[in-house]
C-alpha cells in the first residue's frame, strides 16, 4: 500500500469524523462531501474509474445537493 493510499484514506476518515463533530449542519454536509470526493479519488487510485465517477457524481454531488436543499427547508428550533 503506497503512502498516497494511506494519506487519502486517512483524510477520508478525518472528513467523516468532522462531519459528525461539526454542530452546523451545512459544515457537516460539506465535510461529508469532501470525504466522498476523497473516496472517489481512492477508487480511481485503485484503478476503478467507473466506480470513482459514480461516487463523485452521486455520493458527493447529488447527495450533498439533496442534503443542502433539506437544510434550507428547515427552520432553527428557536423560531418554532
PDB file of N, CA and C in Angstrom:
ATOM      1  N   UNK A   1       0.854  -1.179   0.000  1.00  0.00           N
ATOM      2  CA  UNK A   1       0.000   0.000   0.000  1.00  0.00           C
ATOM      3  C   UNK A   1       0.895   1.235   0.000  1.00  0.00           C
ATOM      4  N   UNK A   2       0.659   2.108  -0.913  1.00  0.00           N
ATOM      5  CA  UNK A   2       1.528   3.270  -1.034  1.00  0.00           C
ATOM      6  C   UNK A   2       1.139   4.351  -0.037  1.00  0.00           C
ATOM      7  N   UNK A   3       2.013   5.320   0.078  1.00  0.00           N
ATOM      8  CA  UNK A   3       1.771   6.432   1.001  1.00  0.00           C
ATOM      9  C   UNK A   3       0.570   7.260   0.553  1.00  0.00           C
ATOM     10  N   UNK A   4       0.351   7.331  -0.750  1.00  0.00           N
ATOM     11  CA  UNK A   4      -0.795   8.093  -1.254  1.00  0.00           C
ATOM     12  C   UNK A   4      -2.117   7.452  -0.836  1.00  0.00           C
ATOM     13  N   UNK A   5      -2.176   6.129  -0.855  1.00  0.00           N
ATOM     14  CA  UNK A   5      -3.377   5.426  -0.398  1.00  0.00           C
ATOM     15  C   UNK A   5      -3.631   5.680   1.085  1.00  0.00           C
ATOM     16  N   UNK A   6      -2.577   5.597   1.867  1.00  0.00           N
ATOM     17  CA  UNK A   6      -2.714   5.818   3.306  1.00  0.00           C
ATOM     18  C   UNK A   6      -3.155   7.246   3.587  1.00  0.00           C
ATOM     19  N   UNK A   7      -2.561   8.205   2.893  1.00  0.00           N
ATOM     20  CA  UNK A   7      -2.936   9.609   3.077  1.00  0.00           C
ATOM     21  C   UNK A   7      -4.384   9.855   2.680  1.00  0.00           C
ATOM     22  N   UNK A   8      -4.794   9.316   1.550  1.00  0.00           N
ATOM     23  CA  UNK A   8      -6.166   9.514   1.083  1.00  0.00           C
ATOM     24  C   UNK A   8      -7.173   8.894   2.050  1.00  0.00           C
ATOM     25  N   UNK A   9      -6.923   7.688   2.481  1.00  0.00           N
ATOM     26  CA  UNK A   9      -7.851   7.027   3.397  1.00  0.00           C
ATOM     27  C   UNK A   9      -7.869   7.701   4.771  1.00  0.00           C
ATOM     28  N   UNK A  10      -6.719   8.220   5.207  1.00  0.00           N
ATOM     29  CA  UNK A  10      -6.694   8.965   6.464  1.00  0.00           C
ATOM     30  C   UNK A  10      -7.529  10.241   6.366  1.00  0.00           C
ATOM     31  N   UNK A  11      -7.439  10.921   5.246  1.00  0.00           N
ATOM     32  CA  UNK A  11      -8.235  12.134   5.054  1.00  0.00           C
ATOM     33  C   UNK A  11      -9.727  11.826   4.945  1.00  0.00           C
ATOM     34  N   UNK A  12     -10.065  10.662   4.387  1.00  0.00           N
ATOM     35  CA  UNK A  12     -11.474  10.254   4.333  1.00  0.00           C
ATOM     36  C   UNK A  12     -12.015  10.063   5.752  1.00  0.00           C
ATOM     37  N   UNK A  13     -11.238   9.399   6.592  1.00  0.00           N
ATOM     38  CA  UNK A  13     -11.667   9.168   7.978  1.00  0.00           C
ATOM     39  C   UNK A  13     -11.773  10.492   8.732  1.00  0.00           C
ATOM     40  N   UNK A  14     -10.814  11.383   8.514  1.00  0.00           N
ATOM     41  CA  UNK A  14     -10.868  12.698   9.171  1.00  0.00           C
ATOM     42  C   UNK A  14     -12.088  13.484   8.705  1.00  0.00           C
ATOM     43  N   UNK A  15     -12.371  13.456   7.414  1.00  0.00           N
ATOM     44  CA  UNK A  15     -13.553  14.155   6.896  1.00  0.00           C
ATOM     45  C   UNK A  15     -14.851  13.602   7.450  1.00  0.00           C
ATOM     46  N   UNK A  16     -14.929  12.290   7.573  1.00  0.00           N
ATOM     47  CA  UNK A  16     -16.136  11.680   8.138  1.00  0.00           C
ATOM     48  C   UNK A  16     -16.272  12.019   9.618  1.00  0.00           C
ATOM     49  N   UNK A  17     -15.158  12.038  10.343  1.00  0.00           N
ATOM     50  CA  UNK A  17     -15.205  12.408  11.762  1.00  0.00           C
ATOM     51  C   UNK A  17     -15.609  13.869  11.929  1.00  0.00           C
ATOM     52  N   UNK A  18     -15.124  14.733  11.056  1.00  0.00           N
ATOM     53  CA  UNK A  18     -15.517  16.145  11.110  1.00  0.00           C
ATOM     54  C   UNK A  18     -17.001  16.322  10.818  1.00  0.00           C
ATOM     55  N   UNK A  19     -17.526  15.514   9.906  1.00  0.00           N
ATOM     56  CA  UNK A  19     -18.951  15.598   9.596  1.00  0.00           C
ATOM     57  C   UNK A  19     -19.804  15.265  10.809  1.00  0.00           C
ATOM     58  N   UNK A  20     -19.330  14.360  11.644  1.00  0.00           N
ATOM     59  CA  UNK A  20     -20.055  14.013  12.867  1.00  0.00           C
ATOM     60  C   UNK A  20     -19.821  15.065  13.948  1.00  0.00           C
ATOM     61  N   UNK A  21     -18.622  15.618  14.010  1.00  0.00           N
ATOM     62  CA  UNK A  21     -18.229  16.523  15.078  1.00  0.00           C
ATOM     63  C   UNK A  21     -18.825  17.925  14.932  1.00  0.00           C
ATOM     64  N   UNK A  22     -18.981  18.429  13.702  1.00  0.00           N
ATOM     65  CA  UNK A  22     -19.481  19.787  13.493  1.00  0.00           C
ATOM     66  C   UNK A  22     -20.906  19.928  14.017  1.00  0.00           C
ATOM     67  N   UNK A  23     -21.199  21.087  14.627  1.00  0.00           N
ATOM     68  CA  UNK A  23     -22.542  21.367  15.118  1.00  0.00           C
ATOM     69  C   UNK A  23     -23.410  21.977  14.009  1.00  0.00           C
ATOM     70  N   UNK A  24     -22.778  22.672  13.078  1.00  0.00           N
ATOM     71  CA  UNK A  24     -23.500  23.297  11.972  1.00  0.00           C
ATOM     72  C   UNK A  24     -23.780  22.246  10.895  1.00  0.00           C
ATOM     73  N   UNK A  25     -25.039  22.149  10.494  1.00  0.00           N
ATOM     74  CA  UNK A  25     -25.407  21.113   9.519  1.00  0.00           C
ATOM     75  C   UNK A  25     -24.766  21.336   8.164  1.00  0.00           C
ATOM     76  N   UNK A  26     -24.670  22.581   7.734  1.00  0.00           N
ATOM     77  CA  UNK A  26     -24.078  22.856   6.432  1.00  0.00           C
ATOM     78  C   UNK A  26     -22.589  22.488   6.414  1.00  0.00           C
ATOM     79  N   UNK A  27     -21.891  22.779   7.488  1.00  0.00           N
ATOM     80  CA  UNK A  27     -20.481  22.390   7.576  1.00  0.00           C
ATOM     81  C   UNK A  27     -20.339  20.870   7.570  1.00  0.00           C
ATOM     82  N   UNK A  28     -21.267  20.174   8.213  1.00  0.00           N
ATOM     83  CA  UNK A  28     -21.229  18.715   8.209  1.00  0.00           C
ATOM     84  C   UNK A  28     -21.433  18.156   6.807  1.00  0.00           C
ATOM     85  N   UNK A  29     -22.341  18.748   6.062  1.00  0.00           N
ATOM     86  CA  UNK A  29     -22.584  18.287   4.690  1.00  0.00           C
ATOM     87  C   UNK A  29     -21.359  18.529   3.823  1.00  0.00           C
ATOM     88  N   UNK A  30     -20.708  19.671   3.997  1.00  0.00           N
ATOM     89  CA  UNK A  30     -19.511  19.968   3.209  1.00  0.00           C
ATOM     90  C   UNK A  30     -18.392  18.997   3.566  1.00  0.00           C
ATOM     91  N   UNK A  31     -18.227  18.678   4.841  1.00  0.00           N
ATOM     92  CA  UNK A  31     -17.207  17.711   5.252  1.00  0.00           C
ATOM     93  C   UNK A  31     -17.516  16.327   4.692  1.00  0.00           C
ATOM     94  N   UNK A  32     -18.791  15.952   4.690  1.00  0.00           N
ATOM     95  CA  UNK A  32     -19.179  14.650   4.150  1.00  0.00           C
ATOM     96  C   UNK A  32     -18.962  14.584   2.641  1.00  0.00           C
ATOM     97  N   UNK A  33     -19.246  15.677   1.947  1.00  0.00           N
ATOM     98  CA  UNK A  33     -18.998  15.718   0.501  1.00  0.00           C
ATOM     99  C   UNK A  33     -17.505  15.650   0.207  1.00  0.00           C
ATOM    100  N   UNK A  34     -16.698  16.309   1.029  1.00  0.00           N
ATOM    101  CA  UNK A  34     -15.249  16.221   0.849  1.00  0.00           C
ATOM    102  C   UNK A  34     -14.728  14.816   1.071  1.00  0.00           C
ATOM    103  N   UNK A  35     -15.255  14.158   2.090  1.00  0.00           N
ATOM    104  CA  UNK A  35     -14.854  12.770   2.338  1.00  0.00           C
ATOM    105  C   UNK A  35     -15.260  11.876   1.170  1.00  0.00           C
ATOM    106  N   UNK A  36     -16.416  12.138   0.605  1.00  0.00           N
ATOM    107  CA  UNK A  36     -16.870  11.348  -0.531  1.00  0.00           C
ATOM    108  C   UNK A  36     -16.001  11.596  -1.769  1.00  0.00           C
ATOM    109  N   UNK A  37     -15.588  12.838  -1.970  1.00  0.00           N
ATOM    110  CA  UNK A  37     -14.691  13.121  -3.091  1.00  0.00           C
ATOM    111  C   UNK A  37     -13.340  12.444  -2.902  1.00  0.00           C
ATOM    112  N   UNK A  38     -12.839  12.447  -1.682  1.00  0.00           N
ATOM    113  CA  UNK A  38     -11.584  11.748  -1.421  1.00  0.00           C
ATOM    114  C   UNK A  38     -11.740  10.241  -1.612  1.00  0.00           C
ATOM    115  N   UNK A  39     -12.898   9.716  -1.276  1.00  0.00           N
ATOM    116  CA  UNK A  39     -13.155   8.294  -1.504  1.00  0.00           C
ATOM    117  C   UNK A  39     -13.189   7.980  -3.001  1.00  0.00           C
ATOM    118  N   UNK A  40     -13.741   8.892  -3.792  1.00  0.00           N
ATOM    119  CA  UNK A  40     -13.723   8.674  -5.244  1.00  0.00           C
ATOM    120  C   UNK A  40     -12.288   8.740  -5.778  1.00  0.00           C
ATOM    121  N   UNK A  41     -11.448   9.582  -5.181  1.00  0.00           N
ATOM    122  CA  UNK A  41     -10.032   9.581  -5.564  1.00  0.00           C
ATOM    123  C   UNK A  41      -9.377   8.239  -5.242  1.00  0.00           C
ATOM    124  N   UNK A  42      -9.720   7.679  -4.099  1.00  0.00           N
ATOM    125  CA  UNK A  42      -9.167   6.371  -3.728  1.00  0.00           C
ATOM    126  C   UNK A  42      -9.621   5.282  -4.708  1.00  0.00           C
ATOM    127  N   UNK A  43     -10.869   5.330  -5.118  1.00  0.00           N
ATOM    128  CA  UNK A  43     -11.339   4.364  -6.118  1.00  0.00           C
ATOM    129  C   UNK A  43     -10.568   4.505  -7.424  1.00  0.00           C
ATOM    130  N   UNK A  44     -10.277   5.757  -7.800  1.00  0.00           N
ATOM    131  CA  UNK A  44      -9.507   5.980  -9.025  1.00  0.00           C
ATOM    132  C   UNK A  44      -8.088   5.438  -8.877  1.00  0.00           C
ATOM    133  N   UNK A  45      -7.492   5.652  -7.699  1.00  0.00           N
ATOM    134  CA  UNK A  45      -6.147   5.133  -7.460  1.00  0.00           C
ATOM    135  C   UNK A  45      -6.123   3.607  -7.468  1.00  0.00           C
ATOM    136  N   UNK A  46      -7.231   2.994  -7.109  1.00  0.00           N
ATOM    137  CA  UNK A  46      -7.334   1.537  -7.136  1.00  0.00           C
ATOM    138  C   UNK A  46      -7.744   1.005  -8.516  1.00  0.00           C
ATOM    139  N   UNK A  47      -7.680   1.869  -9.513  1.00  0.00           N
ATOM    140  CA  UNK A  47      -7.952   1.548 -10.911  1.00  0.00           C
ATOM    141  C   UNK A  47      -9.388   1.091 -11.148  1.00  0.00           C
ATOM    142  N   UNK A  48     -10.321   1.816 -10.526  1.00  0.00           N
ATOM    143  CA  UNK A  48     -11.744   1.589 -10.762  1.00  0.00           C
ATOM    144  C   UNK A  48     -12.378   2.927 -11.136  1.00  0.00           C
ATOM    145  N   UNK A  49     -12.089   3.431 -12.342  1.00  0.00           N
ATOM    146  CA  UNK A  49     -12.568   4.772 -12.705  1.00  0.00           C
ATOM    147  C   UNK A  49     -14.088   4.861 -12.821  1.00  0.00           C
ATOM    148  N   UNK A  50     -14.748   3.769 -13.188  1.00  0.00           N
ATOM    149  CA  UNK A  50     -16.205   3.806 -13.288  1.00  0.00           C
ATOM    150  C   UNK A  50     -16.842   3.984 -11.914  1.00  0.00           C
ATOM    151  N   UNK A  51     -16.307   3.313 -10.911  1.00  0.00           N
ATOM    152  CA  UNK A  51     -16.811   3.469  -9.551  1.00  0.00           C
ATOM    153  C   UNK A  51     -16.472   4.855  -9.024  1.00  0.00           C
ATOM    154  N   UNK A  52     -15.301   5.375  -9.386  1.00  0.00           N
ATOM    155  CA  UNK A  52     -14.894   6.704  -8.949  1.00  0.00           C
ATOM    156  C   UNK A  52     -15.828   7.775  -9.504  1.00  0.00           C
ATOM    157  N   UNK A  53     -16.210   7.646 -10.760  1.00  0.00           N
ATOM    158  CA  UNK A  53     -17.125   8.619 -11.364  1.00  0.00           C
ATOM    159  C   UNK A  53     -18.494   8.537 -10.709  1.00  0.00           C
ATOM    160  N   UNK A  54     -18.968   7.331 -10.451  1.00  0.00           N
ATOM    161  CA  UNK A  54     -20.270   7.170  -9.795  1.00  0.00           C
ATOM    162  C   UNK A  54     -20.245   7.741  -8.378  1.00  0.00           C
ATOM    163  N   UNK A  55     -19.169   7.513  -7.636  1.00  0.00           N
ATOM    164  CA  UNK A  55     -19.057   8.038  -6.269  1.00  0.00           C
ATOM    165  C   UNK A  55     -18.982   9.561  -6.271  1.00  0.00           C
ATOM    166  N   UNK A  56     -18.251  10.122  -7.221  1.00  0.00           N
ATOM    167  CA  UNK A  56     -18.140  11.577  -7.284  1.00  0.00           C
ATOM    168  C   UNK A  56     -19.469  12.208  -7.692  1.00  0.00           C
ATOM    169  N   UNK A  57     -20.139  11.598  -8.640  1.00  0.00           N
ATOM    170  CA  UNK A  57     -21.387  12.168  -9.135  1.00  0.00           C
ATOM    171  C   UNK A  57     -22.553  11.999  -8.190  1.00  0.00           C
ATOM    172  N   UNK A  58     -22.708  10.814  -7.661  1.00  0.00           N
ATOM    173  CA  UNK A  58     -23.857  10.535  -6.795  1.00  0.00           C
ATOM    174  C   UNK A  58     -23.498  10.754  -5.330  1.00  0.00           C
ATOM    175  N   UNK A  59     -22.388  10.163  -4.893  1.00  0.00           N
ATOM    176  CA  UNK A  59     -22.017  10.238  -3.486  1.00  0.00           C
ATOM    177  C   UNK A  59     -21.689  11.636  -3.020  1.00  0.00           C
ATOM    178  N   UNK A  60     -20.963  12.382  -3.810  1.00  0.00           N
ATOM    179  CA  UNK A  60     -20.552  13.720  -3.384  1.00  0.00           C
ATOM    180  C   UNK A  60     -21.531  14.781  -3.851  1.00  0.00           C
ATOM    181  N   UNK A  61     -21.777  14.844  -5.138  1.00  0.00           N
ATOM    182  CA  UNK A  61     -22.549  15.967  -5.682  1.00  0.00           C
ATOM    183  C   UNK A  61     -24.045  15.864  -5.403  1.00  0.00           C
ATOM    184  N   UNK A  62     -24.657  14.789  -5.810  1.00  0.00           N
ATOM    185  CA  UNK A  62     -26.108  14.677  -5.698  1.00  0.00           C
ATOM    186  C   UNK A  62     -26.567  14.581  -4.244  1.00  0.00           C
ATOM    187  N   UNK A  63     -25.873  13.774  -3.459  1.00  0.00           N
ATOM    188  CA  UNK A  63     -26.250  13.629  -2.058  1.00  0.00           C
ATOM    189  C   UNK A  63     -26.077  14.941  -1.304  1.00  0.00           C
ATOM    190  N   UNK A  64     -24.977  15.639  -1.561  1.00  0.00           N
ATOM    191  CA  UNK A  64     -24.757  16.935  -0.898  1.00  0.00           C
ATOM    192  C   UNK A  64     -25.826  17.937  -1.310  1.00  0.00           C
ATOM    193  N   UNK A  65     -26.205  17.940  -2.570  1.00  0.00           N
ATOM    194  CA  UNK A  65     -27.246  18.859  -3.026  1.00  0.00           C
ATOM    195  C   UNK A  65     -28.588  18.569  -2.355  1.00  0.00           C
ATOM    196  N   UNK A  66     -28.927  17.310  -2.220  1.00  0.00           N
ATOM    197  CA  UNK A  66     -30.189  16.945  -1.559  1.00  0.00           C
ATOM    198  C   UNK A  66     -30.156  17.341  -0.085  1.00  0.00           C
ATOM    199  N   UNK A  67     -29.024  17.101   0.583  1.00  0.00           N
ATOM    200  CA  UNK A  67     -28.900  17.498   1.992  1.00  0.00           C
ATOM    201  C   UNK A  67     -29.008  19.011   2.152  1.00  0.00           C
ATOM    202  N   UNK A  68     -28.369  19.765   1.277  1.00  0.00           N
ATOM    203  CA  UNK A  68     -28.418  21.223   1.370  1.00  0.00           C
ATOM    204  C   UNK A  68     -29.834  21.724   1.133  1.00  0.00           C
ATOM    205  N   UNK A  69     -30.541  21.151   0.180  1.00  0.00           N
ATOM    206  CA  UNK A  69     -31.939  21.543  -0.044  1.00  0.00           C
ATOM    207  C   UNK A  69     -32.802  21.218   1.167  1.00  0.00           C
ATOM    208  N   UNK A  70     -32.555  20.084   1.799  1.00  0.00           N
ATOM    209  CA  UNK A  70     -33.319  19.724   3.000  1.00  0.00           C
ATOM    210  C   UNK A  70     -33.008  20.672   4.153  1.00  0.00           C
ATOM    211  N   UNK A  71     -31.751  21.070   4.292  1.00  0.00           N
ATOM    212  CA  UNK A  71     -31.383  22.009   5.354  1.00  0.00           C
ATOM    213  C   UNK A  71     -32.032  23.362   5.122  1.00  0.00           C
ATOM    214  N   UNK A  72     -32.092  23.801   3.874  1.00  0.00           N
ATOM    215  CA  UNK A  72     -32.705  25.100   3.570  1.00  0.00           C
ATOM    216  C   UNK A  72     -34.198  25.119   3.877  1.00  0.00           C
ATOM    217  N   UNK A  73     -34.839  23.962   3.808  1.00  0.00           N
ATOM    218  CA  UNK A  73     -36.284  23.888   4.059  1.00  0.00           C
ATOM    219  C   UNK A  73     -36.632  23.828   5.544  1.00  0.00           C
ATOM    220  N   UNK A  74     -35.649  23.598   6.395  1.00  0.00           N
ATOM    221  CA  UNK A  74     -35.922  23.503   7.827  1.00  0.00           C
ATOM    222  C   UNK A  74     -35.707  24.854   8.496  1.00  0.00           C
ATOM    223  N   UNK A  75     -36.281  24.990   9.681  1.00  0.00           N
ATOM    224  CA  UNK A  75     -36.111  26.202  10.475  1.00  0.00           C
ATOM    225  C   UNK A  75     -35.357  25.848  11.748  1.00  0.00           C
ATOM    226  N   UNK A  76     -34.598  26.823  12.279  1.00  0.00           N
ATOM    227  CA  UNK A  76     -33.956  26.561  13.584  1.00  0.00           C
ATOM    228  C   UNK A  76     -34.984  26.357  14.673  1.00  0.00           C
ATOM    229  N   UNK A  77     -34.617  25.634  15.706  1.00  0.00           N
ATOM    230  CA  UNK A  77     -35.534  25.311  16.790  1.00  0.00           C
ATOM    231  C   UNK A  77     -36.024  26.548  17.522  1.00  0.00           C
ATOM    232  N   UNK A  78     -35.220  27.607  17.569  1.00  0.00           N
ATOM    233  CA  UNK A  78     -35.592  28.827  18.272  1.00  0.00           C
ATOM    234  C   UNK A  78     -36.767  29.556  17.616  1.00  0.00           C
ATOM    235  N   UNK A  79     -36.977  29.345  16.305  1.00  0.00           N
ATOM    236  CA  UNK A  79     -38.047  30.047  15.589  1.00  0.00           C
ATOM    237  C   UNK A  79     -39.403  29.402  15.768  1.00  0.00           C
ATOM    238  N   UNK A  80     -39.479  28.214  16.345  1.00  0.00           N
ATOM    239  CA  UNK A  80     -40.749  27.497  16.465  1.00  0.00           C
ATOM    240  C   UNK A  80     -41.635  28.097  17.517  1.00  0.00           C
TER     241      UNK A  80
END
